[in-house]
């Protein structure tokens, strides 16, 4: 019989709840050993926790080495579950109890021994820094636009910072590509993505990173993970409009937006799809968002089917 342990992870400590009692232990091997002793048999133990970045890495590595099973719950999923059980208060101790209660939602296929992929961690860390660089570059370009053109010394100073960041960003992107291509099959996937008109190398890298991040996701799930799924907000007499959820995937949405703008000009399939929506009276932005979803699904299919893009056959 499974012995579930809900764990809230922080930098130095772990808050535990086993259905009867709460504990606080250190986030190191000593604390992990204590958790192991909470079950009579290691094979019965199932840990439930969120993947809180680097703070969870040591616990995941311990589970992998000791063959301890776990259910790793996404942060959004954990928040949604807490709301569903009307748990509004939030402390480390309460979070551990909520994660323990989540075992009622767990099916057998969700339980497995986790593994720590250091290559994916390296890629993710570089992608996070790369995205920060791009965000800062955008902010600096906006500052130039807001600066009096006569102040050439200040403008040159900002431009110098932008050039330095662009160089650093390009270096990180090259490192990400090298790490990606170490995995068998990724080279072909990257090449296949670039056969889609409108998808360049940077967009292909961004897409492949997301597909690797969610290996078990299906097409519709990937659309939702990227925040491109339409949601309708109505309340009482207020009749809202359908909008995209914008849940996660912001950096990819930005790249996908630019790729879609190119695709509706040069990709026959996307062009016909977009123009049909416009001719049916859809606003341009609504049609563009629909084209973004379609482009994401096409890219997803290309990677999943391990084949290049096939252009629309014209009669």
Protein backbone atom coordinates (compact mmCIF):
# COMPACT_ATOMS: atom_id res chain seq x y z
CA UNK A 1 0.00 0.00 0.00
CA UNK A 2 1.38 3.40 -1.02
CA UNK A 3 2.67 5.73 1.67
CA UNK A 4 2.16 9.25 0.29
CA UNK A 5 4.25 12.17 1.55
CA UNK A 6 3.41 15.74 0.54
CA UNK A 7 6.55 17.89 0.40
CA UNK A 8 6.88 21.66 0.12
CA UNK A 9 10.43 22.47 -0.96
CA UNK A 10 12.38 25.60 -0.05
CA UNK A 11 16.07 26.45 -0.28
CA UNK A 12 17.14 25.11 3.12
CA UNK A 13 14.21 23.03 4.37
CA UNK A 14 11.45 20.60 3.41
CA UNK A 15 7.99 20.70 4.97
CA UNK A 16 6.42 17.23 5.04
CA UNK A 17 2.96 15.84 5.69
CA UNK A 18 2.19 12.11 5.70
CA UNK A 19 -1.54 12.25 6.34
CA UNK A 20 -1.15 12.23 10.11
CA UNK A 21 1.70 14.48 11.14
CA UNK A 22 3.73 17.44 9.86
CA UNK A 23 7.52 17.55 9.88
CA UNK A 24 10.24 20.01 8.91
CA UNK A 25 13.62 18.64 7.83
CA UNK A 26 16.70 19.99 6.11
CA UNK A 27 16.88 19.99 2.32
CA UNK A 28 19.88 17.65 2.18
CA UNK A 29 20.71 13.96 2.46
CA UNK A 30 19.98 13.94 6.20
CA UNK A 31 16.44 15.19 5.52
CA UNK A 32 15.98 12.76 2.63
CA UNK A 33 16.99 9.84 4.85
CA UNK A 34 14.35 10.90 7.39
CA UNK A 35 11.71 10.86 4.63
CA UNK A 36 12.83 7.38 3.60
CA UNK A 37 12.20 6.12 7.15
CA UNK A 38 8.58 7.35 7.15
CA UNK A 39 7.62 4.23 5.18
CA UNK A 40 8.24 0.66 6.34
CA UNK A 41 9.25 -0.36 2.85
CA UNK A 42 10.92 1.88 0.28
CA UNK A 43 8.80 0.38 -2.50
CA UNK A 44 5.64 1.76 -0.82
CA UNK A 45 6.91 5.34 -0.60
CA UNK A 46 5.48 7.94 -3.04
CA UNK A 47 6.58 11.57 -2.72
CA UNK A 48 4.43 14.41 -4.06
CA UNK A 49 6.11 17.76 -4.69
CA UNK A 50 6.44 20.68 -7.07
CA UNK A 51 9.57 21.02 -9.27
CA UNK A 52 10.79 24.21 -7.59
CA UNK A 53 13.84 24.79 -9.79
CA UNK A 54 17.30 24.18 -8.37
CA UNK A 55 15.91 23.66 -4.85
CA UNK A 56 14.28 20.39 -5.97
CA UNK A 57 17.30 19.01 -7.82
CA UNK A 58 18.93 17.31 -4.82
CA UNK A 59 15.68 15.54 -3.86
CA UNK A 60 15.09 14.38 -7.44
CA UNK A 61 18.66 13.06 -7.66
CA UNK A 62 18.17 11.19 -4.36
CA UNK A 63 14.93 9.62 -5.62
CA UNK A 64 16.67 8.57 -8.81
CA UNK A 65 19.58 6.96 -6.95
CA UNK A 66 17.38 5.23 -4.36
CA UNK A 67 14.62 4.25 -6.86
CA UNK A 68 12.01 6.13 -4.82
CA UNK A 69 8.81 6.88 -6.72
CA UNK A 70 7.28 10.33 -6.93
CA UNK A 71 4.55 12.45 -8.46
CA UNK A 72 5.87 15.82 -9.60
CA UNK A 73 3.00 18.33 -9.76
CA UNK A 74 3.25 21.45 -11.90
CA UNK A 75 2.96 24.76 -10.04
CA UNK A 76 -0.19 25.84 -11.90
CA UNK A 77 -1.77 22.44 -11.37
CA UNK A 78 -1.02 22.63 -7.63
CA UNK A 79 -2.52 26.13 -7.39
CA UNK A 80 -5.64 25.07 -9.27
CA UNK A 81 -6.06 22.05 -6.99
CA UNK A 82 -5.68 24.23 -3.88
CA UNK A 83 -8.44 26.51 -5.17
CA UNK A 84 -10.65 23.52 -5.96
CA UNK A 85 -10.52 22.39 -2.32
CA UNK A 86 -11.05 26.02 -1.19
CA UNK A 87 -7.63 26.30 0.45
CA UNK A 88 -6.92 30.03 0.48
CA UNK A 89 -4.27 30.22 3.17
CA UNK A 90 -0.73 29.56 2.06
CA UNK A 91 2.18 28.54 4.27
CA UNK A 92 4.87 25.91 3.73
CA UNK A 93 3.10 23.61 6.18
CA UNK A 94 -0.29 24.06 4.50
CA UNK A 95 1.24 23.60 1.03
CA UNK A 96 2.66 20.23 2.13
CA UNK A 97 -0.81 19.17 3.30
CA UNK A 98 -2.38 20.28 0.01
CA UNK A 99 0.21 18.27 -1.94
CA UNK A 100 -0.50 15.25 0.25
CA UNK A 101 -4.24 15.57 -0.45
CA UNK A 102 -3.42 15.66 -4.16
CA UNK A 103 -2.80 11.88 -3.96
CA UNK A 104 -6.57 11.47 -4.38
CA UNK A 105 -6.10 12.72 -7.96
CA UNK A 106 -3.17 10.43 -8.70
CA UNK A 107 -3.42 7.45 -11.05
CA UNK A 108 -0.84 4.67 -11.25
CA UNK A 109 0.67 5.93 -14.53
CA UNK A 110 1.47 9.26 -12.87
CA UNK A 111 3.81 7.56 -10.38
CA UNK A 112 7.39 6.91 -11.43
CA UNK A 113 10.99 7.24 -10.33
CA UNK A 114 12.03 10.77 -11.37
CA UNK A 115 15.31 11.47 -13.10
CA UNK A 116 17.52 14.53 -13.13
CA UNK A 117 18.56 15.43 -16.68
CA UNK A 118 21.51 17.77 -16.19
CA UNK A 119 21.56 18.58 -19.91
CA UNK A 120 17.97 19.86 -19.80
CA UNK A 121 18.81 21.85 -16.67
CA UNK A 122 21.76 23.48 -18.46
CA UNK A 123 19.55 24.28 -21.44
CA UNK A 124 16.77 25.71 -19.25
CA UNK A 125 19.18 27.90 -17.28
CA UNK A 126 20.70 29.28 -20.47
CA UNK A 127 17.27 29.86 -21.98
CA UNK A 128 16.19 31.81 -18.87
CA UNK A 129 19.26 34.06 -19.13
CA UNK A 130 18.79 34.41 -22.90
CA UNK A 131 15.17 35.52 -22.41
CA UNK A 132 16.28 38.03 -19.78
CA UNK A 133 18.86 39.46 -22.18
CA UNK A 134 16.22 39.81 -24.91
CA UNK A 135 13.83 41.52 -22.50
CA UNK A 136 16.57 43.96 -21.43
CA UNK A 137 17.50 44.66 -25.06
CA UNK A 138 13.86 45.59 -25.76
CA UNK A 139 13.79 47.89 -22.74
CA UNK A 140 17.02 49.60 -23.82
CA UNK A 141 15.72 50.10 -27.37
CA UNK A 142 12.61 51.70 -25.86
CA UNK A 143 14.86 53.99 -23.83
CA UNK A 144 16.61 55.11 -27.01
CA UNK A 145 13.22 55.95 -28.54
CA UNK A 146 12.40 58.03 -25.45
CA UNK A 147 15.75 59.87 -25.48
CA UNK A 148 16.27 63.21 -27.20
CA UNK A 149 18.17 62.60 -30.45
CA UNK A 150 20.53 65.45 -29.60
CA UNK A 151 21.85 63.50 -26.59
CA UNK A 152 24.17 61.43 -28.76
CA UNK A 153 26.56 60.50 -25.95
CA UNK A 154 23.79 58.82 -23.95
CA UNK A 155 22.37 57.11 -27.03
CA UNK A 156 25.80 55.71 -27.99
CA UNK A 157 26.23 54.45 -24.43
CA UNK A 158 22.90 52.60 -24.57
CA UNK A 159 23.70 51.22 -28.04
CA UNK A 160 26.99 49.89 -26.71
CA UNK A 161 25.14 48.02 -23.94
CA UNK A 162 22.68 46.61 -26.48
CA UNK A 163 25.52 45.37 -28.70
CA UNK A 164 27.19 43.69 -25.71
CA UNK A 165 23.94 41.97 -24.68
CA UNK A 166 23.23 40.84 -28.25
CA UNK A 167 26.67 39.26 -28.44
CA UNK A 168 26.13 37.48 -25.11
CA UNK A 169 22.65 36.33 -26.21
CA UNK A 170 24.02 34.89 -29.47
CA UNK A 171 26.68 32.99 -27.52
CA UNK A 172 24.04 31.51 -25.20
CA UNK A 173 21.88 30.50 -28.17
CA UNK A 174 24.87 28.71 -29.70
CA UNK A 175 25.47 26.87 -26.40
CA UNK A 176 21.78 25.86 -26.25
CA UNK A 177 21.99 24.46 -29.79
CA UNK A 178 25.12 22.43 -28.94
CA UNK A 179 23.45 20.97 -25.83
CA UNK A 180 20.27 20.18 -27.76
CA UNK A 181 22.09 18.41 -30.55
CA UNK A 182 23.84 16.09 -28.10
CA UNK A 183 20.52 14.28 -27.76
CA UNK A 184 19.91 11.74 -30.51
CA UNK A 185 17.09 12.80 -32.82
CA UNK A 186 17.14 16.50 -31.98
CA UNK A 187 19.26 17.39 -35.02
CA UNK A 188 16.68 15.89 -37.37
CA UNK A 189 13.82 17.52 -35.43
CA UNK A 190 15.52 20.91 -35.67
CA UNK A 191 16.07 20.48 -39.40
CA UNK A 192 12.48 19.35 -39.94
CA UNK A 193 11.10 22.36 -38.08
CA UNK A 194 13.04 24.68 -40.38
CA UNK A 195 11.33 23.15 -43.42
CA UNK A 196 8.14 24.94 -42.32
CA UNK A 197 7.92 28.28 -44.19
CA UNK A 198 8.11 31.03 -41.59
CA UNK A 199 10.10 29.03 -39.02
CA UNK A 200 13.72 30.17 -38.79
CA UNK A 201 16.51 28.71 -36.69
CA UNK A 202 15.76 30.70 -33.53
CA UNK A 203 12.04 29.91 -33.67
CA UNK A 204 12.84 26.24 -34.33
CA UNK A 205 15.12 26.13 -31.29
CA UNK A 206 12.45 27.76 -29.11
CA UNK A 207 9.77 25.32 -30.30
CA UNK A 208 11.96 22.26 -29.85
CA UNK A 209 12.86 23.36 -26.31
CA UNK A 210 9.18 23.50 -25.38
CA UNK A 211 8.36 20.15 -26.99
CA UNK A 212 11.24 18.55 -25.06
CA UNK A 213 10.06 20.23 -21.88
CA UNK A 214 6.63 18.56 -22.19
CA UNK A 215 7.42 15.18 -23.81
CA UNK A 216 4.04 13.60 -23.00
CA UNK A 217 1.87 16.54 -24.07
CA UNK A 218 -0.59 16.23 -26.94
CA UNK A 219 -1.29 18.89 -29.55
CA UNK A 220 -4.18 20.57 -27.71
CA UNK A 221 -2.30 20.36 -24.41
CA UNK A 222 0.71 22.10 -25.98
CA UNK A 223 -1.55 24.90 -27.25
CA UNK A 224 -2.84 25.36 -23.66
CA UNK A 225 0.65 25.15 -22.15
CA UNK A 226 1.73 27.97 -24.45
CA UNK A 227 -1.28 30.06 -23.37
CA UNK A 228 -2.83 30.12 -26.85
CA UNK A 229 -6.05 28.35 -25.88
CA UNK A 230 -9.14 30.60 -26.16
CA UNK A 231 -11.09 31.29 -22.96
CA UNK A 232 -14.45 33.04 -22.57
CA UNK A 233 -15.17 35.24 -19.56
CA UNK A 234 -18.86 35.95 -18.89
CA UNK A 235 -20.36 37.10 -15.62
CA UNK A 236 -24.03 38.00 -15.07
CA UNK A 237 -25.14 40.61 -17.57
CA UNK A 238 -21.54 41.14 -18.71
CA UNK A 239 -20.83 39.32 -21.95
CA UNK A 240 -17.11 39.03 -22.43
CA UNK A 241 -15.07 38.26 -25.52
CA UNK A 242 -13.02 35.15 -26.17
CA UNK A 243 -9.33 35.75 -25.44
CA UNK A 244 -6.26 33.58 -25.17
CA UNK A 245 -5.39 32.41 -21.66
CA UNK A 246 -1.74 33.62 -21.77
CA UNK A 247 -0.78 30.90 -19.29
CA UNK A 248 2.97 30.34 -19.50
CA UNK A 249 5.09 30.19 -22.64
CA UNK A 250 5.40 33.99 -23.04
CA UNK A 251 8.82 33.84 -24.71
CA UNK A 252 7.57 31.25 -27.20
CA UNK A 253 4.39 33.21 -27.95
CA UNK A 254 6.54 36.20 -28.90
CA UNK A 255 8.67 34.13 -31.28
CA UNK A 256 5.64 32.32 -32.65
CA UNK A 257 3.91 35.64 -33.31
CA UNK A 258 6.75 36.85 -35.53
CA UNK A 259 6.98 33.45 -37.27
CA UNK A 260 3.23 33.56 -37.97
CA UNK A 261 3.44 37.07 -39.44
CA UNK A 262 6.00 35.69 -41.93
CA UNK A 263 4.03 32.45 -42.47
CA UNK A 264 0.79 34.14 -43.54
CA UNK A 265 2.79 35.72 -46.37
CA UNK A 266 4.95 32.81 -47.53
CA UNK A 267 3.34 29.61 -46.19
CA UNK A 268 0.47 28.66 -48.54
CA UNK A 269 -1.36 26.64 -45.90
CA UNK A 270 -1.25 29.39 -43.25
CA UNK A 271 -1.93 32.09 -45.85
CA UNK A 272 -5.13 30.39 -47.07
CA UNK A 273 -6.22 29.66 -43.49
CA UNK A 274 -5.67 33.28 -42.39
CA UNK A 275 -7.32 34.80 -45.48
CA UNK A 276 -10.36 32.53 -45.10
CA UNK A 277 -10.86 33.72 -41.52
CA UNK A 278 -10.55 37.35 -42.61
CA UNK A 279 -13.05 36.82 -45.45
CA UNK A 280 -15.46 35.30 -42.90
CA UNK A 281 -15.37 38.55 -40.93
CA UNK A 282 -12.86 37.67 -38.20
CA UNK A 283 -10.81 40.60 -36.85
CA UNK A 284 -7.18 40.49 -37.98
CA UNK A 285 -5.81 39.80 -34.49
CA UNK A 286 -8.28 36.95 -33.91
CA UNK A 287 -7.29 35.45 -37.27
CA UNK A 288 -3.60 35.87 -36.46
CA UNK A 289 -3.98 34.11 -33.10
CA UNK A 290 -5.81 31.25 -34.82
CA UNK A 291 -2.93 31.06 -37.31
CA UNK A 292 -0.46 30.95 -34.40
CA UNK A 293 -2.31 27.95 -32.96
CA UNK A 294 -2.30 26.24 -36.35
CA UNK A 295 1.42 26.89 -36.86
CA UNK A 296 2.16 25.47 -33.40
CA UNK A 297 0.15 22.33 -34.20
CA UNK A 298 1.95 21.93 -37.53
CA UNK A 299 5.34 22.25 -35.80
CA UNK A 300 4.26 19.79 -33.12
CA UNK A 301 3.18 17.25 -35.76
CA UNK A 302 6.46 17.64 -37.67
CA UNK A 303 8.45 16.77 -34.52
CA UNK A 304 6.15 13.99 -33.30
CA UNK A 305 5.98 12.34 -36.73
CA UNK A 306 9.73 12.82 -37.28
CA UNK A 307 9.25 14.08 -40.81
CA UNK A 308 9.74 17.35 -42.72
CA UNK A 309 6.90 19.71 -43.51
CA UNK A 310 4.82 18.87 -46.54
CA UNK A 311 3.66 21.90 -48.48
CA UNK A 312 0.02 22.26 -49.46
CA UNK A 313 -0.56 20.62 -52.83
CA UNK A 314 -2.17 23.10 -55.18
CA UNK A 315 -4.62 21.80 -57.80
